[in-house]
Protein backbone atom coordinates (compact mmCIF):
# COMPACT_ATOMS: atom_id res chain seq x y z
CA MET A 1 0.00 0.00 0.00
CA ASN A 2 1.33 3.41 -0.97
CA GLU A 3 0.84 5.89 1.87
CA ARG A 4 0.47 9.38 0.39
CA GLU A 5 0.88 11.95 3.17
CA PRO A 6 0.04 15.53 2.06
CA GLY A 7 1.42 17.13 5.20
CA ALA A 8 3.29 15.98 8.24
CA ALA A 9 3.81 12.24 8.64
CA ASP A 10 0.79 10.56 10.03
CA GLN A 11 1.64 8.35 12.99
CA ASP A 12 -0.21 5.05 13.18
CA ALA A 13 -2.50 5.26 16.11
CA ASP A 14 -3.53 2.29 18.22
CA PRO A 15 -6.78 0.77 16.92
CA ALA A 16 -9.77 1.92 18.88
CA SER A 17 -11.23 -0.69 21.14
CA TRP A 18 -14.76 -1.33 19.98
CA TYR A 19 -17.27 -2.39 22.59
CA GLU A 20 -20.80 -3.58 22.48
CA SER A 21 -23.29 -1.55 24.44
CA PRO A 22 -25.26 -3.79 26.80
CA PRO A 23 -28.85 -4.31 25.80
CA ALA A 24 -31.24 -2.11 27.70
CA ASP A 25 -33.15 -3.84 30.43
CA ARG A 26 -36.72 -4.33 29.44
CA ASP A 27 -39.16 -3.88 32.25
CA ASN A 28 -41.80 -6.51 32.63
CA GLU A 29 -44.91 -4.88 31.28
CA ILE A 30 -48.24 -5.76 32.84
CA GLN A 31 -51.20 -5.56 30.50
CA HIS A 32 -53.96 -3.31 31.79
CA SER A 33 -57.60 -3.19 30.78
CA LEU A 34 -58.62 0.19 29.40
CA PHE A 35 -62.22 -0.50 30.45
CA GLY A 36 -61.16 -1.38 34.00
CA GLU A 37 -58.77 1.58 34.17
CA ILE A 38 -61.49 4.11 33.26
CA LEU A 39 -64.00 2.36 35.50
CA ASP A 40 -61.60 2.55 38.45
CA TRP A 41 -60.91 6.24 37.92
CA MET A 42 -64.65 6.97 37.72
CA LEU A 43 -65.95 4.78 40.53
CA ALA A 44 -63.13 5.23 43.03
CA PRO A 45 -63.71 9.01 43.45
CA LEU A 46 -67.48 8.38 43.47
CA LEU A 47 -67.21 5.81 46.26
CA LEU A 48 -64.82 8.03 48.21
CA LEU A 49 -66.98 11.13 47.85
CA TRP A 50 -70.16 9.33 48.88
CA PRO A 51 -69.23 8.98 52.61
CA MET A 52 -68.02 12.60 52.54
CA SER A 53 -71.35 13.70 51.11
CA ILE A 54 -73.16 11.80 53.89
CA ALA A 55 -71.06 13.54 56.54
CA ILE A 56 -71.65 16.96 54.98
CA THR A 57 -75.37 16.21 54.66
CA TYR A 58 -75.51 15.29 58.34
CA LEU A 59 -73.85 18.54 59.38
CA VAL A 60 -76.19 20.54 57.15
CA ALA A 61 -79.17 18.62 58.54
CA LYS A 62 -78.14 19.42 62.11
CA SER A 63 -77.79 23.08 61.18
CA ILE A 64 -81.24 23.08 59.58
CA ALA A 65 -82.72 21.22 62.55
CA ASN A 66 -81.28 23.77 65.01
CA GLN A 67 -82.87 26.79 63.39
CA PRO A 68 -86.57 26.32 64.39
CA PHE A 69 -85.69 25.17 67.89
CA ASP A 70 -83.26 28.05 68.36
CA HIS A 71 -86.07 30.44 67.40
CA ALA A 72 -88.28 28.86 70.06
CA LEU A 73 -85.52 29.22 72.67
CA GLU A 74 -85.00 32.82 71.61
CA ASP A 75 -88.71 33.56 72.10
CA SER A 76 -88.59 31.93 75.54
CA VAL A 77 -85.61 34.05 76.59
CA THR A 78 -87.30 37.19 75.29
CA VAL A 79 -90.54 36.47 77.15
CA LEU A 80 -88.65 35.59 80.32
CA ALA A 81 -86.56 38.77 80.08
CA GLN A 82 -89.76 40.82 79.85
CA GLN A 83 -90.84 39.41 83.21
CA ILE A 84 -87.78 40.76 85.02
CA HIS A 85 -88.26 44.05 86.90
CA GLU A 86 -87.09 45.56 90.16
CA VAL A 87 -89.17 46.22 93.23
CA ASN A 88 -87.57 48.63 95.70
CA GLY A 89 -84.16 48.15 94.06
CA LYS A 90 -84.46 44.41 94.06
CA LEU A 91 -85.49 41.92 91.40
CA ALA A 92 -89.09 40.77 91.47
CA PRO A 93 -89.81 37.54 93.28
CA ARG A 94 -89.91 34.18 91.59
CA LEU A 95 -91.91 33.54 88.45
CA PRO A 96 -95.52 32.45 88.92
CA GLY A 97 -96.39 28.78 88.43
CA SER A 98 -98.19 29.40 85.16
CA ALA A 99 -95.06 30.91 83.60
CA ARG A 100 -93.02 27.94 84.77
CA ASP A 101 -95.48 25.53 83.22
CA ILE A 102 -95.28 27.34 79.90
CA LEU A 103 -91.45 27.17 79.90
CA ARG A 104 -91.36 23.47 80.75
CA ALA A 105 -94.22 22.39 78.45
CA ASP A 106 -92.27 19.88 76.36
CA ASP A 107 -93.01 16.16 76.12
CA VAL A 108 -89.65 15.21 74.52
CA ASP A 109 -86.87 17.44 75.80
CA SER A 110 -86.09 18.71 79.27
CA VAL A 111 -86.26 22.51 79.51
CA TYR A 112 -84.27 24.52 82.06
CA PHE A 113 -84.17 28.21 82.87
CA GLN A 114 -82.18 30.44 85.14
CA ILE A 115 -82.30 34.07 86.31
CA VAL A 116 -79.17 35.56 87.87
CA GLY A 117 -79.00 39.00 89.49
CA PRO A 118 -76.48 41.72 88.72
CA ALA A 119 -74.24 40.61 91.58
CA GLY A 120 -74.25 37.01 90.40
CA GLU A 121 -76.80 35.87 92.94
CA HIS A 122 -79.18 33.12 91.91
CA GLN A 123 -82.68 34.51 91.60
CA ASP A 124 -84.80 31.75 90.12
CA GLY A 125 -84.67 28.56 88.07
CA ASP A 126 -82.07 25.79 87.91
CA ARG A 127 -78.93 26.52 89.89
CA ASP A 128 -76.79 23.96 88.00
CA LEU A 129 -77.18 25.60 84.60
CA PRO A 130 -73.65 26.57 83.49
CA ALA A 131 -72.88 30.29 83.37
CA PRO A 132 -71.64 32.01 80.19
CA PRO A 133 -67.91 32.74 79.82
CA GLU A 134 -66.63 35.68 81.84
CA ASP A 135 -65.54 37.61 78.77
CA ASP A 136 -68.88 37.13 77.00
CA LYS A 137 -70.96 40.07 78.11
CA GLY A 138 -72.88 40.79 74.87
CA ARG A 139 -75.17 43.74 74.37
CA PRO A 140 -78.26 43.88 76.60
CA GLY A 141 -81.38 42.59 74.89
CA VAL A 142 -79.48 40.47 72.34
CA VAL A 143 -80.12 36.73 72.55
CA GLN A 144 -77.02 34.52 72.10
CA PHE A 145 -76.59 30.77 71.80
CA ARG A 146 -74.03 28.24 72.98
CA ASN A 147 -73.71 24.52 73.57
CA GLY A 148 -73.11 23.05 76.99
CA ASN A 149 -73.62 20.09 79.31
CA LEU A 150 -75.85 19.60 82.29
CA HIS A 151 -75.44 16.50 84.38
CA GLY A 152 -73.56 14.86 81.51
CA THR A 153 -76.31 15.58 78.98
CA PRO A 154 -75.63 17.90 76.03
CA ILE A 155 -77.91 20.94 75.96
CA ARG A 156 -78.51 24.00 73.81
CA ILE A 157 -78.53 27.28 75.77
CA ALA A 158 -80.01 30.63 74.78
CA TYR A 159 -79.14 33.56 77.02
CA SER A 160 -79.45 37.33 77.19
CA TYR A 161 -78.51 40.15 79.52
CA VAL A 162 -81.23 42.52 80.84
CA LEU A 163 -80.35 46.12 81.65
CA LEU A 164 -81.70 47.18 85.07
CA GLU A 165 -82.38 50.68 86.33
CA ASP A 166 -79.20 52.18 87.74
CA HIS A 167 -80.69 54.04 90.77
CA GLY A 168 -77.53 56.13 90.95
CA ALA A 169 -75.16 53.16 90.69
CA GLU A 170 -71.70 53.81 89.24
CA GLU A 171 -71.62 50.65 87.06
CA THR A 172 -74.14 49.22 84.61
CA ARG A 173 -76.33 46.64 86.31
CA LEU A 174 -77.16 43.55 84.20
CA ALA A 175 -79.28 40.55 85.00
CA LEU A 176 -78.77 37.25 83.19
CA VAL A 177 -81.58 35.17 81.72
CA GLN A 178 -80.88 31.67 80.37
CA VAL A 179 -83.14 29.02 78.83
CA ALA A 180 -81.77 25.59 77.85
CA GLU A 181 -83.14 22.35 76.49
CA THR A 182 -81.79 18.92 75.65
CA LEU A 183 -81.24 17.88 72.05
CA GLU A 184 -83.66 15.01 71.58
CA LYS A 185 -86.03 16.77 69.16
CA ARG A 186 -83.11 18.26 67.25
CA GLY A 187 -81.44 14.87 66.81
CA ALA A 188 -84.72 13.27 65.76
CA LEU A 189 -85.31 15.97 63.13
CA ALA A 190 -81.73 15.70 61.84
CA ASN A 191 -82.11 11.93 61.55
CA GLU A 192 -85.33 12.32 59.61
CA ILE A 193 -83.60 14.70 57.21
CA ILE A 194 -80.69 12.29 56.81
CA LYS A 195 -83.03 9.40 56.12
CA GLY A 196 -84.90 11.44 53.55
CA VAL A 197 -81.65 12.27 51.75
CA ILE A 198 -79.57 9.10 52.18
CA LEU A 199 -82.18 6.45 51.47
CA PRO A 200 -82.77 7.69 47.90
CA GLN A 201 -78.98 7.63 47.39
CA PHE A 202 -78.90 3.91 48.18
CA ILE A 203 -81.40 3.45 45.38
CA VAL A 204 -79.71 5.87 42.97
CA LEU A 205 -76.13 4.62 43.52
CA PRO A 206 -76.60 1.15 41.93
CA ILE A 207 -78.42 2.82 39.04
CA VAL A 208 -75.50 5.23 38.61
CA LEU A 209 -73.02 2.34 38.66
CA ALA A 210 -75.04 0.47 36.05
CA LEU A 211 -75.26 3.58 33.86
CA VAL A 212 -71.50 4.18 34.15
CA TRP A 213 -70.83 0.56 33.20
CA PHE A 214 -73.19 0.79 30.24
CA ALA A 215 -71.76 4.16 29.13
CA LEU A 216 -68.19 2.84 29.22
CA ALA A 217 -69.12 -0.30 27.30
CA ARG A 218 -70.98 1.83 24.78
CA GLY A 219 -68.13 4.36 24.51
CA LEU A 220 -65.45 1.70 24.01
CA SER A 221 -67.48 -0.30 21.49
CA PRO A 222 -65.72 1.45 18.52
CA LEU A 223 -62.46 -0.09 19.74
CA ALA A 224 -64.03 -3.55 19.66
CA GLN A 225 -65.42 -2.85 16.19
CA LEU A 226 -62.03 -1.66 14.99
CA GLN A 227 -60.45 -4.81 16.43
CA GLU A 228 -62.96 -6.98 14.58
CA ARG A 229 -62.34 -5.15 11.29
CA ILE A 230 -58.58 -5.56 11.63
CA ARG A 231 -58.89 -9.21 12.66
CA ALA A 232 -61.14 -9.93 9.67
CA ARG A 233 -58.46 -8.73 7.24
CA SER A 234 -56.41 -11.17 5.24
CA SER A 235 -52.71 -11.45 5.99
CA ASP A 236 -51.73 -9.65 2.76
CA ASP A 237 -54.19 -6.76 3.12
CA LEU A 238 -52.06 -3.72 4.03
CA SER A 239 -54.52 -1.11 2.79
CA PRO A 240 -55.13 1.91 5.08
CA ILE A 241 -57.82 1.70 7.75
CA ASP A 242 -60.76 4.00 7.16
CA SER A 243 -60.37 6.70 9.84
CA GLY A 244 -63.87 8.07 9.13
CA GLN A 245 -65.48 5.16 11.00
CA VAL A 246 -63.68 5.68 14.29
CA PRO A 247 -64.16 8.33 17.03
CA GLU A 248 -62.03 11.46 17.01
CA GLU A 249 -59.95 10.26 19.99
CA ILE A 250 -58.88 7.08 18.14
CA THR A 251 -58.09 8.88 14.87
CA PRO A 252 -54.40 9.58 15.80
CA LEU A 253 -53.94 5.87 16.60
CA VAL A 254 -55.51 4.87 13.26
CA ARG A 255 -53.31 7.37 11.43
CA SER A 256 -50.23 5.93 13.11
CA LEU A 257 -51.34 2.42 12.15
CA ASN A 258 -51.91 3.56 8.56
CA ASP A 259 -48.46 5.10 8.51
CA LEU A 260 -46.99 1.83 9.83
CA LEU A 261 -48.96 -0.15 7.24
CA GLY A 262 -47.66 2.16 4.52
CA ARG A 263 -44.05 1.68 5.60
CA LEU A 264 -44.58 -2.08 5.92
CA SER A 265 -46.17 -2.23 2.46
CA LEU A 266 -43.25 -0.28 1.01
CA SER A 267 -40.76 -2.57 2.76
CA ILE A 268 -42.51 -5.69 1.46
CA GLU A 269 -42.67 -4.23 -2.02
CA MET A 270 -38.94 -3.46 -1.89
CA GLN A 271 -38.21 -6.99 -0.71
CA LYS A 272 -40.30 -8.48 -3.51
CA ARG A 273 -38.54 -6.30 -6.07
CA PHE A 274 -35.18 -7.14 -4.52
CA ILE A 275 -35.89 -10.88 -4.67
CA ALA A 276 -37.11 -10.59 -8.25
CA ASP A 277 -34.03 -8.59 -9.29
CA ALA A 278 -31.71 -10.93 -7.42
CA ALA A 279 -33.30 -13.99 -9.06
CA HIS A 280 -32.98 -12.35 -12.45
CA GLN A 281 -29.32 -11.42 -11.88
CA MET A 282 -28.47 -14.89 -10.59
CA LYS A 283 -29.75 -16.48 -13.79
CA THR A 284 -26.81 -15.20 -15.84
CA PRO A 285 -23.88 -16.67 -13.85
CA LEU A 286 -25.81 -19.86 -13.08
CA ALA A 287 -26.70 -20.33 -16.75
CA GLY A 288 -23.07 -19.72 -17.69
CA MET A 289 -21.87 -22.24 -15.14
CA ARG A 290 -24.33 -24.85 -16.42
CA MET A 291 -23.33 -24.22 -20.06
CA GLN A 292 -19.61 -24.41 -19.31
CA SER A 293 -20.03 -27.58 -17.27
CA GLU A 294 -22.05 -29.24 -20.06
CA LEU A 295 -19.49 -28.09 -22.62
CA ALA A 296 -16.66 -29.52 -20.53
CA LEU A 297 -18.46 -32.85 -20.30
CA ARG A 298 -18.68 -33.05 -24.12
CA GLN A 299 -15.04 -32.04 -24.73
CA THR A 300 -12.34 -34.63 -25.30
CA ASP A 301 -9.44 -32.21 -25.81
CA HIS A 302 -7.67 -31.44 -22.56
CA GLY A 303 -7.06 -27.83 -23.68
CA GLU A 304 -10.74 -27.22 -24.37
CA ILE A 305 -11.68 -28.82 -21.06
CA HIS A 306 -9.20 -26.53 -19.28
CA ARG A 307 -10.67 -23.41 -20.92
CA SER A 308 -14.19 -24.53 -20.01
CA LEU A 309 -13.14 -25.06 -16.42
CA GLU A 310 -11.57 -21.56 -16.36
CA GLN A 311 -14.83 -20.06 -17.57
CA LEU A 312 -16.68 -22.16 -15.00
CA ALA A 313 -14.42 -20.78 -12.26
CA LYS A 314 -15.03 -17.17 -13.43
CA SER A 315 -18.79 -17.74 -13.46
CA SER A 316 -18.58 -19.26 -9.98
CA GLU A 317 -16.56 -16.27 -8.78
CA ALA A 318 -19.14 -13.85 -10.25
CA ALA A 319 -21.99 -15.77 -8.61
CA THR A 320 -20.16 -15.78 -5.26
CA ARG A 321 -19.53 -12.05 -5.50
CA LEU A 322 -23.19 -11.40 -6.37
CA VAL A 323 -24.40 -13.49 -3.44
CA ASN A 324 -22.00 -11.73 -1.05
CA GLN A 325 -23.17 -8.32 -2.23
CA LEU A 326 -26.80 -9.35 -1.90
CA LEU A 327 -26.13 -10.45 1.66
CA ALA A 328 -24.26 -7.20 2.38
CA LEU A 329 -27.15 -5.13 1.02
CA ALA A 330 -29.65 -7.14 3.07
CA ARG A 331 -27.56 -6.58 6.21
CA ALA A 332 -27.32 -2.85 5.48
CA GLU A 333 -31.07 -2.49 4.99
CA ASN A 334 -31.84 -4.39 8.17
CA GLN A 335 -29.59 -2.29 10.38
CA PRO A 336 -31.29 -0.24 13.14
CA GLN A 337 -32.14 3.39 12.52
CA ALA A 338 -29.36 5.93 12.48
CA GLY A 339 -28.13 6.83 15.95
CA ALA A 340 -28.98 3.45 17.53
CA ALA A 341 -26.12 1.37 19.03
CA LEU A 342 -23.38 3.42 17.31
CA LEU A 343 -19.77 3.38 18.52
CA PRO A 344 -16.92 5.88 18.21
CA VAL A 345 -15.04 5.16 14.96
CA ASP A 346 -11.74 6.68 13.79
CA LEU A 347 -12.07 7.28 10.05
CA VAL A 348 -8.29 7.32 9.61
CA GLU A 349 -7.76 3.81 10.99
CA LEU A 350 -10.91 2.54 9.29
CA ALA A 351 -9.83 3.78 5.85
CA ARG A 352 -6.25 2.62 6.32
CA GLY A 353 -7.46 -0.89 7.20
CA ALA A 354 -9.82 -1.00 4.20
CA VAL A 355 -7.02 0.06 1.82
CA ARG A 356 -4.68 -2.51 3.32
CA ASP A 357 -7.22 -5.25 2.58
CA TRP A 358 -7.27 -4.33 -1.13
CA VAL A 359 -3.51 -4.05 -1.70
CA PRO A 360 -3.16 -7.65 -3.07
CA ALA A 361 -6.04 -7.06 -5.49
CA SER A 362 -4.45 -3.78 -6.67
CA PHE A 363 -1.30 -5.73 -7.63
CA ASN A 364 -3.43 -8.06 -9.77
CA TYR A 365 -5.09 -5.08 -11.47
CA ARG A 366 -1.64 -3.38 -11.82
CA ILE A 367 -3.02 -0.22 -10.19
CA ASP A 368 -1.25 2.10 -7.74
CA LEU A 369 -3.45 2.06 -4.60
CA GLY A 370 -2.54 4.78 -2.10
CA PHE A 371 -3.78 6.29 1.15
CA GLU A 372 -3.55 9.90 2.33
CA ALA A 373 -4.08 10.64 6.01
CA PRO A 374 -4.93 14.10 7.36
CA ALA A 375 -2.07 16.39 8.33
CA GLY A 376 -1.04 16.08 11.99
CA ASP A 377 -1.55 13.32 14.51
CA GLY A 378 -5.22 13.97 15.32
CA ASP A 379 -7.87 11.34 14.73
CA VAL A 380 -11.19 11.87 12.95
CA LEU A 381 -13.88 10.41 15.21
CA ILE A 382 -17.47 9.77 14.14
CA ASP A 383 -20.36 7.71 15.54
CA GLY A 384 -20.96 4.60 13.47
CA ASN A 385 -21.06 0.86 13.02
CA PRO A 386 -17.47 -0.22 12.27
CA THR A 387 -18.47 -3.37 10.35
CA MET A 388 -20.91 -1.58 8.05
CA LEU A 389 -18.52 1.34 7.48
CA ARG A 390 -15.75 -1.10 6.56
CA GLU A 391 -18.14 -2.77 4.08
CA MET A 392 -19.00 0.62 2.58
CA LEU A 393 -15.36 1.63 2.05
CA SER A 394 -14.51 -1.79 0.63
CA ASN A 395 -17.23 -1.39 -2.00
CA LEU A 396 -15.94 2.06 -2.96
CA VAL A 397 -12.35 0.81 -3.33
CA ASP A 398 -13.51 -2.29 -5.23
CA ASN A 399 -15.58 -0.12 -7.58
CA ALA A 400 -12.60 2.20 -8.21
CA LEU A 401 -10.21 -0.69 -8.91
CA ARG A 402 -12.63 -2.36 -11.35
CA TYR A 403 -13.19 0.78 -13.44
CA THR A 404 -9.60 2.05 -13.44
CA PRO A 405 -7.46 0.77 -16.33
CA ALA A 406 -4.08 -0.88 -15.73
CA HIS A 407 -1.24 1.41 -14.61
CA GLY A 408 -3.79 3.86 -13.24
CA ALA A 409 -4.07 5.14 -9.67
CA VAL A 410 -6.65 4.92 -6.91
CA THR A 411 -6.31 7.12 -3.83
CA VAL A 412 -8.24 6.95 -0.57
CA ARG A 413 -8.06 10.22 1.35
CA VAL A 414 -9.23 11.18 4.83
CA ARG A 415 -9.41 14.78 6.00
CA ARG A 416 -11.18 16.80 8.64
CA THR A 417 -13.14 20.05 8.54
CA GLU A 418 -14.51 22.08 11.43
CA SER A 419 -17.72 20.07 11.65
CA ALA A 420 -17.25 16.95 9.51
CA GLY A 421 -15.01 14.03 8.72
CA VAL A 422 -14.46 13.49 4.98
CA VAL A 423 -13.44 10.33 3.13
CA GLU A 424 -12.62 10.58 -0.59
CA VAL A 425 -11.97 7.76 -3.06
CA GLU A 426 -10.63 9.01 -6.39
CA ASP A 427 -9.51 7.09 -9.45
CA THR A 428 -8.14 7.75 -12.93
CA GLY A 429 -10.78 5.73 -14.78
CA PRO A 430 -13.36 6.82 -17.34
CA GLY A 431 -15.41 8.69 -14.75
CA ILE A 432 -19.17 8.93 -14.45
CA PRO A 433 -21.13 11.24 -16.77
CA GLN A 434 -23.16 13.95 -15.10
CA ALA A 435 -26.45 12.45 -16.34
CA GLU A 436 -25.61 9.05 -14.85
CA ARG A 437 -24.60 10.20 -11.36
CA GLY A 438 -28.17 10.18 -10.07
CA HIS A 439 -28.71 6.55 -11.14
CA VAL A 440 -25.49 4.76 -10.24
CA PHE A 441 -26.72 4.25 -6.65
CA GLU A 442 -29.75 2.28 -7.82
CA ARG A 443 -29.75 -1.49 -7.46
CA PHE A 444 -28.38 -3.48 -10.39
CA TYR A 445 -27.84 -0.29 -12.40
CA ARG A 446 -24.94 -0.48 -14.87
CA ILE A 447 -23.70 2.33 -17.09
CA LEU A 448 -24.22 1.42 -20.73
CA GLY A 449 -21.04 0.57 -22.57
CA SER A 450 -19.16 -0.37 -19.41
CA SER A 451 -16.96 -3.43 -19.83
CA ALA A 452 -16.04 -3.81 -16.17
CA GLU A 453 -17.39 -6.82 -14.35
CA GLY A 454 -19.86 -6.17 -11.57
CA SER A 455 -23.38 -6.69 -10.29
CA GLY A 456 -24.55 -3.10 -9.90
CA LEU A 457 -24.97 -3.48 -6.13
CA GLY A 458 -21.78 -1.95 -4.75
CA LEU A 459 -22.86 1.70 -4.87
CA ALA A 460 -26.37 0.79 -3.65
CA ILE A 461 -24.71 -0.66 -0.54
CA VAL A 462 -22.63 2.52 -0.18
CA ARG A 463 -25.70 4.76 -0.29
CA GLU A 464 -27.69 2.61 2.17
CA ILE A 465 -24.91 2.57 4.78
CA ALA A 466 -24.19 6.28 4.31
CA GLN A 467 -27.84 7.18 4.91
CA GLN A 468 -27.86 5.20 8.14
CA HIS A 469 -24.89 7.27 9.37
CA ASN A 470 -26.36 10.65 8.31
CA ALA A 471 -23.55 10.98 5.78
CA GLU A 472 -23.71 12.75 2.41
CA VAL A 473 -22.42 11.03 -0.74
CA ASP A 474 -21.28 13.19 -3.68
CA ILE A 475 -19.72 12.29 -7.03
CA PHE A 476 -17.30 14.58 -8.90
CA SER A 477 -14.77 14.28 -11.66
CA ASN A 478 -11.22 13.75 -10.45
CA PRO A 479 -9.70 17.26 -10.25
CA ARG A 480 -6.19 15.76 -10.44
CA SER A 481 -6.78 13.88 -13.69
CA THR A 482 -4.74 15.12 -16.68
CA SER A 483 -6.39 12.99 -19.36
CA ALA A 484 -9.48 14.17 -21.24
CA LYS A 485 -10.41 10.60 -22.12
CA MET A 486 -9.98 9.43 -18.56
CA PRO A 487 -11.43 12.24 -16.35
CA GLY A 488 -11.65 9.88 -13.38
CA ALA A 489 -14.19 9.92 -10.59
CA LEU A 490 -14.12 11.18 -7.02
CA PHE A 491 -16.56 9.83 -4.42
CA ARG A 492 -16.81 12.03 -1.34
CA LEU A 493 -18.42 10.89 1.92
CA THR A 494 -19.09 13.59 4.54
CA PHE A 495 -19.80 12.39 8.10
CA PRO A 496 -20.85 14.52 11.10
CA LEU A 497 -18.08 14.51 13.70
CA ARG A 498 -18.56 12.90 17.08
CA PRO A 499 -19.28 15.53 19.77
CA PRO A 500 -16.22 16.08 21.98
CA GLU A 501 -16.37 14.48 25.39
CA PRO A 502 -16.24 16.88 28.35
CA ASP A 503 -12.91 17.22 30.13
CA PRO A 504 -13.22 15.82 33.70
CA GLU A 505 -10.69 18.36 35.01
CA GLN A 506 -12.67 21.26 33.56
CA GLU A 507 -15.90 19.85 35.02
CA ASP A 508 -14.27 19.58 38.46
CA ALA A 509 -12.95 23.12 38.13
CA SER A 510 -16.39 24.46 37.17
CA TRP A 511 -17.77 23.23 40.51
CA MET A 512 -15.10 24.97 42.52
CA PRO A 513 -16.33 28.10 44.34
């Protein structure tokens, strides 16, 4: 191999150690029911809110039940306060029996009352009735309410302060009037309200659950219909699914399925065309091999038999090459999408290794095969699949050697720009006409009038691998050619450079205060 160094001598770098990225762990996926998922999210809040609604209803019922009884207590306090007056500077004697009977006329609850003088002395009524808080001296004549306990029984108390005549006193003189009752009637009324509200809910709730179940089954029925339509299709029916027959929410899913079906149909069509083209191309070498073998069987002259066997060997070599290129193209097309499982690749070492592999063949073709590395000792790193990139470069070098006449030159060049790594393969052959450059990457395409042996798959493999690595492929005439009849060809591959890895020392320094 002739190393052609345009600048400073390129030092052979150690081959990069390629490694296989470990397969990503796949979490065990548990299949969920969409129907059950929606049903859970609808019924769970409903069942949680139902006890809360009962509690709120009970509190509201108690508040409603308190209002009429509080009005009755307020009237009792008002009437009792009107009975308080002073006689000779003292409160009137105890209430008459008729007034007491009116206050205590209740068949369900126990009613209590109390009158306390301005000095805190008990005047009349029940002595054990709890007094209001010391700091609660409300306005005279205003009835207030509070809850309390009497002998361990909860009671509702209404109370009011009565302004007495001062008779020259320095401070305001207030008498206290309190009326209290137990809560039996209030609780009974609240329970009746609760029963009137809750009992219908026990009837309505199962109906609501049944309606929710029916609504979900009805709403998800288009999914079942879509499933049946897809299941009823034949295995070779890849036509788009009619998105007009599905709800709006499922339309994006149907569009994605149609897009997948379109790509699958295109892939199958390409495979069918590939198999048909491959079968057609295989007929020629196989037919030649059969003809030469039959001819050799009929020959009696050793010289003729030898020539037939030589032709048989050439046909076998052509068939082997065609099969290998078909396999290479199949591998290239079945590679993952660009950016998946790519490794750092040094273009310099990759190209140097590919050229080294073709040095023996260049001697047979009597062609000067050379390699030019970039100036300096730097490497040209890209992200790629080393095996596929090596296959791509081998096809470019093979193509250049086949179309370059004896005593010509083929040069593989690697250089680096600010944002890209560039590989060029130039030869001194007949070149490629401008009108043909858009077709040479098609499968089995051969330029008319070309006498070089080949299958028309090499450049198709180059384009497929380049596309998977986000690389651009361009064809030019060889700018270094000096022959008008042999303008030569230059294939240029432009790869995006691998992003530089961050310097650990700089990262540590950036965290320093």
